[in-house]
mmCIF file of all heavy atoms, coordinates in Angstrom:
data_MODEL
# 
_entry.id   MODEL 
# 
loop_
_atom_site.group_PDB 
_atom_site.id 
_atom_site.type_symbol 
_atom_site.label_atom_id 
_atom_site.label_alt_id 
_atom_site.label_comp_id 
_atom_site.label_asym_id 
_atom_site.label_entity_id 
_atom_site.label_seq_id 
_atom_site.pdbx_PDB_ins_code 
_atom_site.Cartn_x 
_atom_site.Cartn_y 
_atom_site.Cartn_z 
_atom_site.occupancy 
_atom_site.B_iso_or_equiv 
_atom_site.pdbx_formal_charge 
_atom_site.auth_seq_id 
_atom_site.auth_comp_id 
_atom_site.auth_asym_id 
_atom_site.auth_atom_id 
_atom_site.pdbx_PDB_model_num 
ATOM 1   N N   . VAL A 1 1  ? 0.850  -1.182  0.000  1.00 0.00 ? 1  VAL A N   1 
ATOM 2   C CA  . VAL A 1 1  ? 0.000  0.000   0.000  1.00 0.00 ? 1  VAL A CA  1 
ATOM 3   C C   . VAL A 1 1  ? 0.891  1.240   0.000  1.00 0.00 ? 1  VAL A C   1 
ATOM 4   O O   . VAL A 1 1  ? 1.818  1.333   0.811  1.00 0.00 ? 1  VAL A O   1 
ATOM 5   C CB  . VAL A 1 1  ? -0.905 0.022   1.254  1.00 0.00 ? 1  VAL A CB  1 
ATOM 6   C CG1 . VAL A 1 1  ? -1.762 1.274   1.291  1.00 0.00 ? 1  VAL A CG1 1 
ATOM 7   C CG2 . VAL A 1 1  ? -1.756 -1.241  1.328  1.00 0.00 ? 1  VAL A CG2 1 
ATOM 8   N N   . THR A 1 2  ? 0.616  2.188   -0.909 1.00 0.00 ? 2  THR A N   1 
ATOM 9   C CA  . THR A 1 2  ? 1.406  3.419   -0.922 1.00 0.00 ? 2  THR A CA  1 
ATOM 10  C C   . THR A 1 2  ? 0.637  4.531   -0.232 1.00 0.00 ? 2  THR A C   1 
ATOM 11  O O   . THR A 1 2  ? -0.576 4.660   -0.396 1.00 0.00 ? 2  THR A O   1 
ATOM 12  C CB  . THR A 1 2  ? 1.768  3.855   -2.347 1.00 0.00 ? 2  THR A CB  1 
ATOM 13  O OG1 . THR A 1 2  ? 0.623  4.419   -3.002 1.00 0.00 ? 2  THR A OG1 1 
ATOM 14  C CG2 . THR A 1 2  ? 2.291  2.692   -3.163 1.00 0.00 ? 2  THR A CG2 1 
ATOM 15  N N   . THR A 1 3  ? 1.356  5.342   0.545  1.00 0.00 ? 3  THR A N   1 
ATOM 16  C CA  . THR A 1 3  ? 0.739  6.469   1.235  1.00 0.00 ? 3  THR A CA  1 
ATOM 17  C C   . THR A 1 3  ? 1.525  7.737   0.932  1.00 0.00 ? 3  THR A C   1 
ATOM 18  O O   . THR A 1 3  ? 2.721  7.691   0.625  1.00 0.00 ? 3  THR A O   1 
ATOM 19  C CB  . THR A 1 3  ? 0.691  6.246   2.755  1.00 0.00 ? 3  THR A CB  1 
ATOM 20  O OG1 . THR A 1 3  ? 1.996  6.435   3.315  1.00 0.00 ? 3  THR A OG1 1 
ATOM 21  C CG2 . THR A 1 3  ? 0.193  4.847   3.088  1.00 0.00 ? 3  THR A CG2 1 
ATOM 22  N N   . GLY A 1 4  ? 0.858  8.872   1.037  1.00 0.00 ? 4  GLY A N   1 
ATOM 23  C CA  . GLY A 1 4  ? 1.529  10.156  0.895  1.00 0.00 ? 4  GLY A CA  1 
ATOM 24  C C   . GLY A 1 4  ? 1.720  10.817  2.244  1.00 0.00 ? 4  GLY A C   1 
ATOM 25  O O   . GLY A 1 4  ? 1.194  10.358  3.269  1.00 0.00 ? 4  GLY A O   1 
ATOM 26  N N   . ASP A 1 5  ? 2.453  11.920  2.238  1.00 0.00 ? 5  ASP A N   1 
ATOM 27  C CA  . ASP A 1 5  ? 2.683  12.617  3.502  1.00 0.00 ? 5  ASP A CA  1 
ATOM 28  C C   . ASP A 1 5  ? 1.497  13.482  3.920  1.00 0.00 ? 5  ASP A C   1 
ATOM 29  O O   . ASP A 1 5  ? 1.516  14.107  4.984  1.00 0.00 ? 5  ASP A O   1 
ATOM 30  C CB  . ASP A 1 5  ? 3.966  13.448  3.454  1.00 0.00 ? 5  ASP A CB  1 
ATOM 31  C CG  . ASP A 1 5  ? 3.923  14.603  2.454  1.00 0.00 ? 5  ASP A CG  1 
ATOM 32  O OD1 . ASP A 1 5  ? 2.841  14.959  1.961  1.00 0.00 ? 5  ASP A OD1 1 
ATOM 33  O OD2 . ASP A 1 5  ? 5.004  15.165  2.145  1.00 0.00 ? 5  ASP A OD2 1 
ATOM 34  N N   . ALA A 1 6  ? 0.449  13.523  3.073  1.00 0.00 ? 6  ALA A N   1 
ATOM 35  C CA  . ALA A 1 6  ? -0.766 14.299  3.363  1.00 0.00 ? 6  ALA A CA  1 
ATOM 36  C C   . ALA A 1 6  ? -0.423 15.747  3.705  1.00 0.00 ? 6  ALA A C   1 
ATOM 37  O O   . ALA A 1 6  ? -1.038 16.362  4.580  1.00 0.00 ? 6  ALA A O   1 
ATOM 38  C CB  . ALA A 1 6  ? -1.604 13.637  4.455  1.00 0.00 ? 6  ALA A CB  1 
ATOM 39  N N   . GLU A 1 7  ? 0.575  16.267  3.003  1.00 0.00 ? 7  GLU A N   1 
ATOM 40  C CA  . GLU A 1 7  ? 1.019  17.658  3.117  1.00 0.00 ? 7  GLU A CA  1 
ATOM 41  C C   . GLU A 1 7  ? 1.621  18.009  4.468  1.00 0.00 ? 7  GLU A C   1 
ATOM 42  O O   . GLU A 1 7  ? 1.685  19.179  4.842  1.00 0.00 ? 7  GLU A O   1 
ATOM 43  C CB  . GLU A 1 7  ? -0.120 18.619  2.757  1.00 0.00 ? 7  GLU A CB  1 
ATOM 44  C CG  . GLU A 1 7  ? -0.599 18.465  1.321  1.00 0.00 ? 7  GLU A CG  1 
ATOM 45  C CD  . GLU A 1 7  ? -1.664 19.476  0.947  1.00 0.00 ? 7  GLU A CD  1 
ATOM 46  O OE1 . GLU A 1 7  ? -2.813 19.287  1.380  1.00 0.00 ? 7  GLU A OE1 1 
ATOM 47  O OE2 . GLU A 1 7  ? -1.337 20.427  0.216  1.00 0.00 ? 7  GLU A OE2 1 
ATOM 48  N N   . MET A 1 8  ? 2.093  16.999  5.188  1.00 0.00 ? 8  MET A N   1 
ATOM 49  C CA  . MET A 1 8  ? 2.896  17.222  6.383  1.00 0.00 ? 8  MET A CA  1 
ATOM 50  C C   . MET A 1 8  ? 4.205  16.453  6.192  1.00 0.00 ? 8  MET A C   1 
ATOM 51  O O   . MET A 1 8  ? 4.317  15.279  6.553  1.00 0.00 ? 8  MET A O   1 
ATOM 52  C CB  . MET A 1 8  ? 2.178  16.752  7.650  1.00 0.00 ? 8  MET A CB  1 
ATOM 53  C CG  . MET A 1 8  ? 2.888  17.161  8.938  1.00 0.00 ? 8  MET A CG  1 
ATOM 54  S SD  . MET A 1 8  ? 1.971  16.654  10.420 1.00 0.00 ? 8  MET A SD  1 
ATOM 55  C CE  . MET A 1 8  ? 0.564  17.765  10.322 1.00 0.00 ? 8  MET A CE  1 
ATOM 56  N N   . PRO A 1 9  ? 5.212  17.092  5.572  1.00 0.00 ? 9  PRO A N   1 
ATOM 57  C CA  . PRO A 1 9  ? 6.419  16.377  5.154  1.00 0.00 ? 9  PRO A CA  1 
ATOM 58  C C   . PRO A 1 9  ? 7.128  15.617  6.268  1.00 0.00 ? 9  PRO A C   1 
ATOM 59  O O   . PRO A 1 9  ? 7.735  14.568  6.013  1.00 0.00 ? 9  PRO A O   1 
ATOM 60  C CB  . PRO A 1 9  ? 7.306  17.495  4.592  1.00 0.00 ? 9  PRO A CB  1 
ATOM 61  C CG  . PRO A 1 9  ? 6.332  18.522  4.099  1.00 0.00 ? 9  PRO A CG  1 
ATOM 62  C CD  . PRO A 1 9  ? 5.215  18.496  5.100  1.00 0.00 ? 9  PRO A CD  1 
ATOM 63  N N   . SER A 1 10 ? 7.055  16.096  7.505  1.00 0.00 ? 10 SER A N   1 
ATOM 64  C CA  . SER A 1 10 ? 7.763  15.427  8.592  1.00 0.00 ? 10 SER A CA  1 
ATOM 65  C C   . SER A 1 10 ? 7.283  14.006  8.819  1.00 0.00 ? 10 SER A C   1 
ATOM 66  O O   . SER A 1 10 ? 8.018  13.168  9.364  1.00 0.00 ? 10 SER A O   1 
ATOM 67  C CB  . SER A 1 10 ? 7.625  16.235  9.890  1.00 0.00 ? 10 SER A CB  1 
ATOM 68  O OG  . SER A 1 10 ? 6.257  16.341  10.270 1.00 0.00 ? 10 SER A OG  1 
ATOM 69  N N   . ARG A 1 11 ? 6.064  13.694  8.396  1.00 0.00 ? 11 ARG A N   1 
ATOM 70  C CA  . ARG A 1 11 ? 5.559  12.330  8.558  1.00 0.00 ? 11 ARG A CA  1 
ATOM 71  C C   . ARG A 1 11 ? 6.426  11.312  7.825  1.00 0.00 ? 11 ARG A C   1 
ATOM 72  O O   . ARG A 1 11 ? 6.528  10.162  8.248  1.00 0.00 ? 11 ARG A O   1 
ATOM 73  C CB  . ARG A 1 11 ? 4.132  12.241  8.017  1.00 0.00 ? 11 ARG A CB  1 
ATOM 74  C CG  . ARG A 1 11 ? 3.068  12.910  8.858  1.00 0.00 ? 11 ARG A CG  1 
ATOM 75  C CD  . ARG A 1 11 ? 1.715  12.752  8.221  1.00 0.00 ? 11 ARG A CD  1 
ATOM 76  N NE  . ARG A 1 11 ? 0.638  13.216  9.086  1.00 0.00 ? 11 ARG A NE  1 
ATOM 77  C CZ  . ARG A 1 11 ? -0.353 14.010  8.694  1.00 0.00 ? 11 ARG A CZ  1 
ATOM 78  N NH1 . ARG A 1 11 ? -0.389 14.436  7.429  1.00 0.00 ? 11 ARG A NH1 1 
ATOM 79  N NH2 . ARG A 1 11 ? -1.294 14.373  9.540  1.00 0.00 ? 11 ARG A NH2 1 
ATOM 80  N N   . ALA A 1 12 ? 7.004  11.720  6.701  1.00 0.00 ? 12 ALA A N   1 
ATOM 81  C CA  . ALA A 1 12 ? 7.743  10.769  5.868  1.00 0.00 ? 12 ALA A CA  1 
ATOM 82  C C   . ALA A 1 12 ? 8.961  10.190  6.586  1.00 0.00 ? 12 ALA A C   1 
ATOM 83  O O   . ALA A 1 12 ? 9.341  9.043   6.339  1.00 0.00 ? 12 ALA A O   1 
ATOM 84  C CB  . ALA A 1 12 ? 8.171  11.443  4.568  1.00 0.00 ? 12 ALA A CB  1 
ATOM 85  N N   . GLN A 1 13 ? 9.584  10.966  7.480  1.00 0.00 ? 13 GLN A N   1 
ATOM 86  C CA  . GLN A 1 13 ? 10.761 10.504  8.210  1.00 0.00 ? 13 GLN A CA  1 
ATOM 87  C C   . GLN A 1 13 ? 10.421 9.865   9.558  1.00 0.00 ? 13 GLN A C   1 
ATOM 88  O O   . GLN A 1 13 ? 11.304 9.290   10.207 1.00 0.00 ? 13 GLN A O   1 
ATOM 89  C CB  . GLN A 1 13 ? 11.727 11.669  8.425  1.00 0.00 ? 13 GLN A CB  1 
ATOM 90  C CG  . GLN A 1 13 ? 12.418 12.146  7.166  1.00 0.00 ? 13 GLN A CG  1 
ATOM 91  C CD  . GLN A 1 13 ? 13.331 11.091  6.570  1.00 0.00 ? 13 GLN A CD  1 
ATOM 92  O OE1 . GLN A 1 13 ? 14.088 10.425  7.280  1.00 0.00 ? 13 GLN A OE1 1 
ATOM 93  N NE2 . GLN A 1 13 ? 13.267 10.916  5.256  1.00 0.00 ? 13 GLN A NE2 1 
ATOM 94  N N   . ASN A 1 14 ? 9.178  9.935   9.967  1.00 0.00 ? 14 ASN A N   1 
ATOM 95  C CA  . ASN A 1 14 ? 8.742  9.381   11.245 1.00 0.00 ? 14 ASN A CA  1 
ATOM 96  C C   . ASN A 1 14 ? 8.226  7.963   11.013 1.00 0.00 ? 14 ASN A C   1 
ATOM 97  O O   . ASN A 1 14 ? 7.147  7.774   10.466 1.00 0.00 ? 14 ASN A O   1 
ATOM 98  C CB  . ASN A 1 14 ? 7.656  10.268  11.839 1.00 0.00 ? 14 ASN A CB  1 
ATOM 99  C CG  . ASN A 1 14 ? 7.120  9.749   13.162 1.00 0.00 ? 14 ASN A CG  1 
ATOM 100 O OD1 . ASN A 1 14 ? 7.543  8.698   13.660 1.00 0.00 ? 14 ASN A OD1 1 
ATOM 101 N ND2 . ASN A 1 14 ? 6.180  10.475  13.738 1.00 0.00 ? 14 ASN A ND2 1 
ATOM 102 N N   . ARG A 1 15 ? 8.970  6.965   11.462 1.00 0.00 ? 15 ARG A N   1 
ATOM 103 C CA  . ARG A 1 15 ? 8.576  5.579   11.204 1.00 0.00 ? 15 ARG A CA  1 
ATOM 104 C C   . ARG A 1 15 ? 7.344  5.158   11.986 1.00 0.00 ? 15 ARG A C   1 
ATOM 105 O O   . ARG A 1 15 ? 6.756  4.121   11.683 1.00 0.00 ? 15 ARG A O   1 
ATOM 106 C CB  . ARG A 1 15 ? 9.743  4.633   11.500 1.00 0.00 ? 15 ARG A CB  1 
ATOM 107 C CG  . ARG A 1 15 ? 10.953 4.833   10.598 1.00 0.00 ? 15 ARG A CG  1 
ATOM 108 C CD  . ARG A 1 15 ? 11.739 3.541   10.431 1.00 0.00 ? 15 ARG A CD  1 
ATOM 109 N NE  . ARG A 1 15 ? 12.095 2.918   11.671 1.00 0.00 ? 15 ARG A NE  1 
ATOM 110 C CZ  . ARG A 1 15 ? 13.291 2.987   12.253 1.00 0.00 ? 15 ARG A CZ  1 
ATOM 111 N NH1 . ARG A 1 15 ? 14.262 3.707   11.689 1.00 0.00 ? 15 ARG A NH1 1 
ATOM 112 N NH2 . ARG A 1 15 ? 13.533 2.353   13.367 1.00 0.00 ? 15 ARG A NH2 1 
ATOM 113 N N   . ARG A 1 16 ? 6.922  5.969   12.960 1.00 0.00 ? 16 ARG A N   1 
ATOM 114 C CA  . ARG A 1 16 ? 5.685  5.661   13.691 1.00 0.00 ? 16 ARG A CA  1 
ATOM 115 C C   . ARG A 1 16 ? 4.454  6.175   12.944 1.00 0.00 ? 16 ARG A C   1 
ATOM 116 O O   . ARG A 1 16 ? 3.326  5.779   13.272 1.00 0.00 ? 16 ARG A O   1 
ATOM 117 C CB  . ARG A 1 16 ? 5.741  6.262   15.095 1.00 0.00 ? 16 ARG A CB  1 
ATOM 118 C CG  . ARG A 1 16 ? 6.779  5.621   16.006 1.00 0.00 ? 16 ARG A CG  1 
ATOM 119 C CD  . ARG A 1 16 ? 6.692  6.161   17.413 1.00 0.00 ? 16 ARG A CD  1 
ATOM 120 N NE  . ARG A 1 16 ? 6.935  7.594   17.468 1.00 0.00 ? 16 ARG A NE  1 
ATOM 121 C CZ  . ARG A 1 16 ? 8.136  8.150   17.522 1.00 0.00 ? 16 ARG A CZ  1 
ATOM 122 N NH1 . ARG A 1 16 ? 9.222  7.393   17.513 1.00 0.00 ? 16 ARG A NH1 1 
ATOM 123 N NH2 . ARG A 1 16 ? 8.261  9.463   17.580 1.00 0.00 ? 16 ARG A NH2 1 
ATOM 124 N N   . SER A 1 17 ? 4.669  7.054   11.988 1.00 0.00 ? 17 SER A N   1 
ATOM 125 C CA  . SER A 1 17 ? 3.563  7.565   11.184 1.00 0.00 ? 17 SER A CA  1 
ATOM 126 C C   . SER A 1 17 ? 3.356  6.674   9.964  1.00 0.00 ? 17 SER A C   1 
ATOM 127 O O   . SER A 1 17 ? 4.313  6.119   9.414  1.00 0.00 ? 17 SER A O   1 
ATOM 128 C CB  . SER A 1 17 ? 3.866  8.995   10.730 1.00 0.00 ? 17 SER A CB  1 
ATOM 129 O OG  . SER A 1 17 ? 2.911  9.437   9.780  1.00 0.00 ? 17 SER A OG  1 
ATOM 130 N N   . LEU A 1 18 ? 2.109  6.583   9.518  1.00 0.00 ? 18 LEU A N   1 
ATOM 131 C CA  . LEU A 1 18 ? 1.802  5.816   8.307  1.00 0.00 ? 18 LEU A CA  1 
ATOM 132 C C   . LEU A 1 18 ? 1.899  6.681   7.051  1.00 0.00 ? 18 LEU A C   1 
ATOM 133 O O   . LEU A 1 18 ? 1.731  6.175   5.943  1.00 0.00 ? 18 LEU A O   1 
ATOM 134 C CB  . LEU A 1 18 ? 0.397  5.213   8.411  1.00 0.00 ? 18 LEU A CB  1 
ATOM 135 C CG  . LEU A 1 18 ? 0.197  4.197   9.535  1.00 0.00 ? 18 LEU A CG  1 
ATOM 136 C CD1 . LEU A 1 18 ? -1.279 3.837   9.671  1.00 0.00 ? 18 LEU A CD1 1 
ATOM 137 C CD2 . LEU A 1 18 ? 1.038  2.948   9.290  1.00 0.00 ? 18 LEU A CD2 1 
ATOM 138 N N   . GLY A 1 19 ? 2.151  7.963   7.189  1.00 0.00 ? 19 GLY A N   1 
ATOM 139 C CA  . GLY A 1 19 ? 2.233  8.860   6.043  1.00 0.00 ? 19 GLY A CA  1 
ATOM 140 C C   . GLY A 1 19 ? 3.614  8.848   5.406  1.00 0.00 ? 19 GLY A C   1 
ATOM 141 O O   . GLY A 1 19 ? 4.630  8.757   6.097  1.00 0.00 ? 19 GLY A O   1 
ATOM 142 N N   . GLY A 1 20 ? 3.643  8.947   4.067  1.00 0.00 ? 20 GLY A N   1 
ATOM 143 C CA  . GLY A 1 20 ? 4.913  8.994   3.357  1.00 0.00 ? 20 GLY A CA  1 
ATOM 144 C C   . GLY A 1 20 ? 5.646  7.670   3.364  1.00 0.00 ? 20 GLY A C   1 
ATOM 145 O O   . GLY A 1 20 ? 6.876  7.629   3.467  1.00 0.00 ? 20 GLY A O   1 
ATOM 146 N N   . LYS A 1 21 ? 4.889  6.577   3.187  1.00 0.00 ? 21 LYS A N   1 
ATOM 147 C CA  . LYS A 1 21 ? 5.456  5.238   3.315  1.00 0.00 ? 21 LYS A CA  1 
ATOM 148 C C   . LYS A 1 21 ? 4.996  4.320   2.180  1.00 0.00 ? 21 LYS A C   1 
ATOM 149 O O   . LYS A 1 21 ? 4.041  4.613   1.465  1.00 0.00 ? 21 LYS A O   1 
ATOM 150 C CB  . LYS A 1 21 ? 4.995  4.587   4.633  1.00 0.00 ? 21 LYS A CB  1 
ATOM 151 C CG  . LYS A 1 21 ? 5.212  5.401   5.889  1.00 0.00 ? 21 LYS A CG  1 
ATOM 152 C CD  . LYS A 1 21 ? 6.682  5.614   6.209  1.00 0.00 ? 21 LYS A CD  1 
ATOM 153 C CE  . LYS A 1 21 ? 6.887  6.252   7.576  1.00 0.00 ? 21 LYS A CE  1 
ATOM 154 N NZ  . LYS A 1 21 ? 6.338  7.618   7.685  1.00 0.00 ? 21 LYS A NZ  1 
ATOM 155 N N   . ILE A 1 22 ? 5.680  3.193   2.047  1.00 0.00 ? 22 ILE A N   1 
ATOM 156 C CA  . ILE A 1 22 ? 5.120  2.008   1.405  1.00 0.00 ? 22 ILE A CA  1 
ATOM 157 C C   . ILE A 1 22 ? 4.909  0.994   2.522  1.00 0.00 ? 22 ILE A C   1 
ATOM 158 O O   . ILE A 1 22 ? 5.827  0.729   3.312  1.00 0.00 ? 22 ILE A O   1 
ATOM 159 C CB  . ILE A 1 22 ? 6.027  1.462   0.302  1.00 0.00 ? 22 ILE A CB  1 
ATOM 160 C CG1 . ILE A 1 22 ? 6.131  2.482   -0.842 1.00 0.00 ? 22 ILE A CG1 1 
ATOM 161 C CG2 . ILE A 1 22 ? 5.501  0.134   -0.236 1.00 0.00 ? 22 ILE A CG2 1 
ATOM 162 C CD1 . ILE A 1 22 ? 7.089  2.093   -1.945 1.00 0.00 ? 22 ILE A CD1 1 
ATOM 163 N N   . LEU A 1 23 ? 3.694  0.472   2.606  1.00 0.00 ? 23 LEU A N   1 
ATOM 164 C CA  . LEU A 1 23 ? 3.328  -0.478  3.662  1.00 0.00 ? 23 LEU A CA  1 
ATOM 165 C C   . LEU A 1 23 ? 3.234  -1.882  3.080  1.00 0.00 ? 23 LEU A C   1 
ATOM 166 O O   . LEU A 1 23 ? 2.889  -2.063  1.915  1.00 0.00 ? 23 LEU A O   1 
ATOM 167 C CB  . LEU A 1 23 ? 1.976  -0.091  4.277  1.00 0.00 ? 23 LEU A CB  1 
ATOM 168 C CG  . LEU A 1 23 ? 1.784  1.373   4.672  1.00 0.00 ? 23 LEU A CG  1 
ATOM 169 C CD1 . LEU A 1 23 ? 0.376  1.587   5.230  1.00 0.00 ? 23 LEU A CD1 1 
ATOM 170 C CD2 . LEU A 1 23 ? 2.831  1.810   5.686  1.00 0.00 ? 23 LEU A CD2 1 
ATOM 171 N N   . ARG A 1 24 ? 3.535  -2.861  3.909  1.00 0.00 ? 24 ARG A N   1 
ATOM 172 C CA  . ARG A 1 24 ? 3.420  -4.274  3.521  1.00 0.00 ? 24 ARG A CA  1 
ATOM 173 C C   . ARG A 1 24 ? 2.662  -4.999  4.618  1.00 0.00 ? 24 ARG A C   1 
ATOM 174 O O   . ARG A 1 24 ? 3.062  -4.960  5.797  1.00 0.00 ? 24 ARG A O   1 
ATOM 175 C CB  . ARG A 1 24 ? 4.807  -4.885  3.317  1.00 0.00 ? 24 ARG A CB  1 
ATOM 176 C CG  . ARG A 1 24 ? 4.817  -6.380  2.964  1.00 0.00 ? 24 ARG A CG  1 
ATOM 177 C CD  . ARG A 1 24 ? 6.248  -6.835  2.697  1.00 0.00 ? 24 ARG A CD  1 
ATOM 178 N NE  . ARG A 1 24 ? 6.337  -8.261  2.416  1.00 0.00 ? 24 ARG A NE  1 
ATOM 179 C CZ  . ARG A 1 24 ? 6.653  -9.193  3.326  1.00 0.00 ? 24 ARG A CZ  1 
ATOM 180 N NH1 . ARG A 1 24 ? 6.899  -8.844  4.594  1.00 0.00 ? 24 ARG A NH1 1 
ATOM 181 N NH2 . ARG A 1 24 ? 6.714  -10.465 2.983  1.00 0.00 ? 24 ARG A NH2 1 
ATOM 182 N N   . MET A 1 25 ? 1.569  -5.656  4.228  1.00 0.00 ? 25 MET A N   1 
ATOM 183 C CA  . MET A 1 25 ? 0.708  -6.295  5.220  1.00 0.00 ? 25 MET A CA  1 
ATOM 184 C C   . MET A 1 25 ? 0.135  -7.585  4.666  1.00 0.00 ? 25 MET A C   1 
ATOM 185 O O   . MET A 1 25 ? 0.186  -7.851  3.452  1.00 0.00 ? 25 MET A O   1 
ATOM 186 C CB  . MET A 1 25 ? -0.426 -5.341  5.616  1.00 0.00 ? 25 MET A CB  1 
ATOM 187 C CG  . MET A 1 25 ? -1.348 -4.947  4.479  1.00 0.00 ? 25 MET A CG  1 
ATOM 188 S SD  . MET A 1 25 ? -2.529 -3.614  4.905  1.00 0.00 ? 25 MET A SD  1 
ATOM 189 C CE  . MET A 1 25 ? -1.445 -2.202  5.017  1.00 0.00 ? 25 MET A CE  1 
ATOM 190 N N   . THR A 1 26 ? -0.447 -8.382  5.547  1.00 0.00 ? 26 THR A N   1 
ATOM 191 C CA  . THR A 1 26 ? -1.157 -9.583  5.125  1.00 0.00 ? 26 THR A CA  1 
ATOM 192 C C   . THR A 1 26 ? -2.478 -9.176  4.464  1.00 0.00 ? 26 THR A C   1 
ATOM 193 O O   . THR A 1 26 ? -2.935 -8.033  4.619  1.00 0.00 ? 26 THR A O   1 
ATOM 194 C CB  . THR A 1 26 ? -1.453 -10.499 6.317  1.00 0.00 ? 26 THR A CB  1 
ATOM 195 O OG1 . THR A 1 26 ? -2.449 -9.871  7.138  1.00 0.00 ? 26 THR A OG1 1 
ATOM 196 C CG2 . THR A 1 26 ? -0.188 -10.776 7.138  1.00 0.00 ? 26 THR A CG2 1 
ATOM 197 N N   . PRO A 1 27 ? -3.139 -10.080 3.774  1.00 0.00 ? 27 PRO A N   1 
ATOM 198 C CA  . PRO A 1 27 ? -4.441 -9.734  3.189  1.00 0.00 ? 27 PRO A CA  1 
ATOM 199 C C   . PRO A 1 27 ? -5.487 -9.310  4.216  1.00 0.00 ? 27 PRO A C   1 
ATOM 200 O O   . PRO A 1 27 ? -6.495 -8.709  3.849  1.00 0.00 ? 27 PRO A O   1 
ATOM 201 C CB  . PRO A 1 27 ? -4.856 -11.028 2.475  1.00 0.00 ? 27 PRO A CB  1 
ATOM 202 C CG  . PRO A 1 27 ? -3.565 -11.715 2.149  1.00 0.00 ? 27 PRO A CG  1 
ATOM 203 C CD  . PRO A 1 27 ? -2.665 -11.411 3.314  1.00 0.00 ? 27 PRO A CD  1 
# 
């Protein structure tokens, strides 16, 4: 799943945030 930073760039460097990431999960 791809996510954006939702216009808060600091989220991308925060590994606790789901923003600005590629996620990998089970079905």
